[in-house]
Protein backbone atom coordinates (compact mmCIF):
# COMPACT_ATOMS: atom_id res chain seq x y z
CA MET A 1 -22.69 -34.01 15.51
CA SER A 2 -25.53 -31.62 14.69
CA ARG A 3 -25.70 -29.71 11.43
CA SER A 4 -25.03 -26.34 13.08
CA ALA A 5 -22.03 -27.76 14.94
CA SER A 6 -20.58 -29.17 11.71
CA ILE A 7 -21.01 -25.78 10.00
CA LEU A 8 -19.20 -24.06 12.86
CA THR A 9 -16.39 -26.61 12.69
CA ALA A 10 -16.02 -26.13 8.94
CA ALA A 11 -16.06 -22.37 9.32
CA GLY A 12 -13.30 -22.53 11.91
CA ARG A 13 -10.82 -24.24 9.58
CA PRO A 14 -8.49 -21.96 7.61
CA GLY A 15 -9.40 -21.61 3.95
CA ARG A 16 -12.92 -22.97 4.42
CA MET A 17 -14.54 -19.61 5.10
CA VAL A 18 -14.04 -18.36 1.56
CA ALA A 19 -15.45 -21.56 0.10
CA MET A 20 -18.44 -21.41 2.45
CA VAL A 21 -19.20 -17.79 1.55
CA LEU A 22 -18.71 -18.56 -2.13
CA GLY A 23 -21.09 -21.52 -1.94
CA THR A 24 -23.69 -19.44 -0.14
CA ALA A 25 -23.38 -16.66 -2.67
CA LEU A 26 -23.68 -19.08 -5.59
CA SER A 27 -26.77 -20.68 -4.12
CA THR A 28 -28.49 -17.33 -3.61
CA LEU A 29 -28.01 -16.29 -7.23
CA GLY A 30 -30.69 -18.68 -8.40
CA ALA A 31 -29.64 -20.75 -11.41
CA THR A 32 -26.49 -22.57 -10.49
CA PRO A 33 -23.74 -21.82 -12.99
CA ALA A 34 -20.77 -24.12 -13.20
CA ALA A 35 -18.90 -23.72 -9.93
CA PRO A 36 -15.24 -22.77 -10.16
CA ALA A 37 -12.71 -25.41 -9.25
CA ALA A 38 -11.55 -25.43 -5.65
CA GLN A 39 -7.95 -24.86 -6.79
CA THR A 40 -9.06 -21.75 -8.72
CA VAL A 41 -10.76 -20.31 -5.63
CA THR A 42 -7.65 -21.08 -3.55
CA ASP A 43 -5.36 -19.45 -6.12
CA LEU A 44 -7.54 -16.33 -6.33
CA SER A 45 -7.67 -16.15 -2.55
CA ARG A 46 -3.87 -16.41 -2.29
CA TYR A 47 -3.44 -13.72 -4.95
CA CYS A 48 -5.78 -11.43 -2.99
CA THR A 49 -3.89 -12.11 0.25
CA ALA A 50 -0.61 -11.15 -1.43
CA CYS A 51 -2.23 -7.94 -2.68
CA TRP A 52 -3.50 -7.03 0.79
CA ARG A 53 -0.07 -7.73 2.29
CA ASN A 54 1.70 -5.61 -0.35
CA ALA A 55 -0.79 -2.78 0.16
CA ARG A 56 -0.07 -2.98 3.91
CA LEU A 57 -3.73 -3.41 4.80
CA PRO A 58 -4.44 -4.56 8.36
CA ALA A 59 -4.35 -8.36 8.50
CA ASP A 60 -7.66 -8.54 10.35
CA CYS A 61 -9.53 -7.23 7.30
CA TRP A 62 -7.92 -9.49 4.64
CA THR A 63 -10.70 -12.10 4.79
CA ASP A 64 -13.43 -9.47 4.43
CA CYS A 65 -11.59 -7.86 1.52
CA THR A 66 -11.17 -11.20 -0.24
CA GLN A 67 -14.87 -11.96 0.24
CA GLU A 68 -15.77 -8.60 -1.26
CA VAL A 69 -13.58 -9.35 -4.29
CA PHE A 70 -15.33 -12.70 -4.73
CA THR A 71 -18.72 -10.98 -4.46
CA ARG A 72 -17.73 -8.52 -7.18
CA LEU A 73 -16.45 -11.37 -9.34
CA LEU A 74 -19.74 -13.23 -8.90
CA GLU A 75 -21.61 -10.15 -10.11
CA ARG A 76 -19.41 -9.45 -13.12
CA VAL A 77 -17.60 -12.60 -14.29
CA PRO A 78 -19.15 -15.99 -15.06
CA THR A 79 -17.81 -18.58 -12.61
CA ASP A 80 -16.70 -20.90 -15.40
CA ALA A 81 -14.32 -18.10 -16.56
CA TRP A 82 -12.62 -17.66 -13.17
CA ALA A 83 -9.82 -20.04 -14.07
CA ARG A 84 -8.68 -17.60 -16.76
CA THR A 85 -8.35 -14.63 -14.38
CA LEU A 86 -4.81 -15.53 -13.32
CA LYS A 87 -3.67 -17.06 -16.60
CA ASP A 88 -4.81 -14.87 -19.50
CA GLU A 89 -4.79 -11.17 -20.15
CA GLY A 90 -8.45 -10.61 -20.86
CA ASP A 91 -11.68 -9.12 -19.61
CA GLU A 92 -11.87 -11.56 -16.71
CA ARG A 93 -8.42 -10.62 -15.43
CA ARG A 94 -9.11 -6.90 -15.83
CA GLU A 95 -12.35 -7.28 -13.88
CA PHE A 96 -10.54 -9.24 -11.15
CA LEU A 97 -7.83 -6.56 -10.84
CA ARG A 98 -10.47 -3.80 -10.83
CA ALA A 99 -12.25 -5.54 -7.97
CA ILE A 100 -8.99 -5.82 -6.01
CA ASP A 101 -8.15 -2.15 -6.61
CA ALA A 102 -11.62 -0.97 -5.63
CA VAL A 103 -11.60 -2.93 -2.38
CA LYS A 104 -8.01 -1.89 -1.58
CA LYS A 105 -8.76 1.80 -2.15
CA ARG A 106 -11.93 1.63 -0.08
CA VAL A 107 -10.04 0.14 2.87
CA GLN A 108 -7.14 2.59 2.54
CA ARG A 109 -9.51 5.57 2.45
CA GLY A 110 -11.27 4.24 5.51
CA ARG A 111 -8.16 4.41 7.66
CA LYS A 112 -8.14 7.29 10.08
CA TYR A 113 -4.96 8.45 11.74
CA VAL A 114 -5.37 10.46 14.89
CA GLY A 115 -2.42 12.16 16.52
CA PHE A 116 -2.00 12.18 20.26
CA PRO A 117 -1.77 15.49 22.09
CA ASP A 118 1.72 16.06 23.46
CA ASP A 119 0.59 16.09 27.08
CA SER A 120 -0.87 12.56 26.84
CA VAL A 121 2.49 11.02 25.92
CA ALA A 122 4.61 10.10 28.92
CA ASP A 123 7.99 10.12 27.15
CA VAL A 124 8.73 13.59 25.76
CA ARG A 125 12.16 12.49 24.44
CA PRO A 126 14.23 15.66 24.77
CA LEU A 127 17.32 13.60 23.97
CA ALA A 128 15.84 12.52 20.63
CA ASP A 129 15.02 16.15 19.81
CA ARG A 130 18.62 17.17 20.52
CA GLU A 131 19.96 14.34 18.38
CA ARG A 132 17.59 15.27 15.56
CA ALA A 133 18.69 18.92 15.79
CA GLU A 134 22.34 17.83 15.62
CA VAL A 135 21.67 15.72 12.52
CA ARG A 136 19.85 18.62 10.86
CA GLU A 137 22.74 20.96 11.66
CA GLU A 138 25.23 18.48 10.21
CA LEU A 139 23.11 18.19 7.05
CA ARG A 140 22.92 22.00 6.79
CA ARG A 141 26.72 22.27 7.07
CA ALA A 142 27.25 19.49 4.52
CA ALA A 143 24.78 21.14 2.14
CA ALA A 144 26.61 24.45 2.46
CA GLU A 145 29.90 22.71 1.61
CA VAL A 146 28.89 20.67 -1.44
CA LEU A 147 25.62 22.03 -2.89
CA SER A 148 24.93 25.04 -5.06
CA ASP A 149 22.60 27.74 -3.77
CA ARG A 150 19.84 26.53 -6.12
CA GLN A 151 20.17 22.93 -4.92
CA GLN A 152 20.05 24.07 -1.30
CA GLN A 153 16.92 26.12 -2.00
CA ILE A 154 15.24 23.22 -3.83
CA LEU A 155 15.93 20.85 -0.93
CA GLN A 156 14.73 23.44 1.59
CA TRP A 157 11.43 23.97 -0.24
CA SER A 158 11.04 20.23 -0.70
CA ALA A 159 11.54 19.70 3.05
CA GLU A 160 8.91 22.37 3.70
CA GLY A 161 6.41 20.33 1.66
CA PHE A 162 6.39 22.09 -1.70
CA SER A 163 5.76 19.85 -4.72
CA VAL A 164 8.17 19.67 -7.64
CA GLN A 165 5.71 21.64 -9.78
CA GLU A 166 5.40 24.40 -7.15
CA ILE A 167 9.18 24.66 -6.86
CA ALA A 168 9.47 24.78 -10.66
CA ASP A 169 6.95 27.62 -10.76
CA ARG A 170 8.89 29.56 -8.12
CA LEU A 171 12.19 29.13 -9.97
CA ALA A 172 10.63 29.62 -13.42
CA VAL A 173 12.09 26.36 -14.74
CA GLY A 174 10.60 23.07 -15.84
CA PRO A 175 9.68 20.40 -13.30
CA GLU A 176 12.14 18.00 -14.96
CA ARG A 177 14.96 20.39 -14.13
CA VAL A 178 13.83 20.64 -10.51
CA SER A 179 13.66 16.83 -10.20
CA ASP A 180 17.09 16.52 -11.75
CA GLU A 181 18.61 19.13 -9.43
CA LYS A 182 16.96 17.52 -6.41
CA TYR A 183 18.29 14.09 -7.39
CA LYS A 184 21.81 15.47 -7.92
CA ALA A 185 21.72 17.31 -4.59
CA ILE A 186 20.65 14.22 -2.66
CA ARG A 187 23.28 12.12 -4.41
CA LYS A 188 25.99 14.69 -3.58
CA LEU A 189 24.93 14.79 0.08
CA ARG A 190 24.89 11.00 0.36
CA THR A 191 28.34 10.71 -1.18
CA HIS A 192 29.73 13.49 1.00
CA LEU A 193 28.27 12.08 4.22
CA HIS A 194 29.29 8.53 3.32
CA ASP A 195 32.87 9.65 2.66
CA ARG A 196 32.89 11.56 5.95
CA MET A 197 31.69 8.47 7.86
CA ILE A 198 34.39 6.30 6.26
CA SER A 199 37.16 8.78 7.06
CA ALA A 200 35.99 9.21 10.66
């Protein structure tokens, strides 16, 4: 088997890509510091994968994100200290978490969501619109039955997109009071609707 074929075979195996990139990066830095243990690299890679999954990043970019974290670690943390990143609360761990956060935020900012124009969608779903209107009407009736006027107004403004601080400014009360009223209103509505479903 030729050398290039063996490299391609090694790169195709799961888990080998990170080690290959890490080895290449270490060799390009010049003086070879003590290489981290293979288990340490695997553990760091698994930790990164869990972070990408929890952040709901697209799975096709997880490997690139992990490689970028390793590149940042190579620049900022000596490789012989990598074993302490997952064990101790120290500078190495803080640098590792900073690298993860920086990469995660960069990827999240890079996402672009584009809405489709209504005429390009085949299914207009008038039935879903009617059902949604019925649910909203039922919520409005339930709110009128169990909520105070202030709670109804707070929920209305919240549904329109106003922040808690903006609502507090409009009502001339503290934001804590608005949050409390909003929480109580939602709890009352849930209880009322739940009781109605049980009795029906």
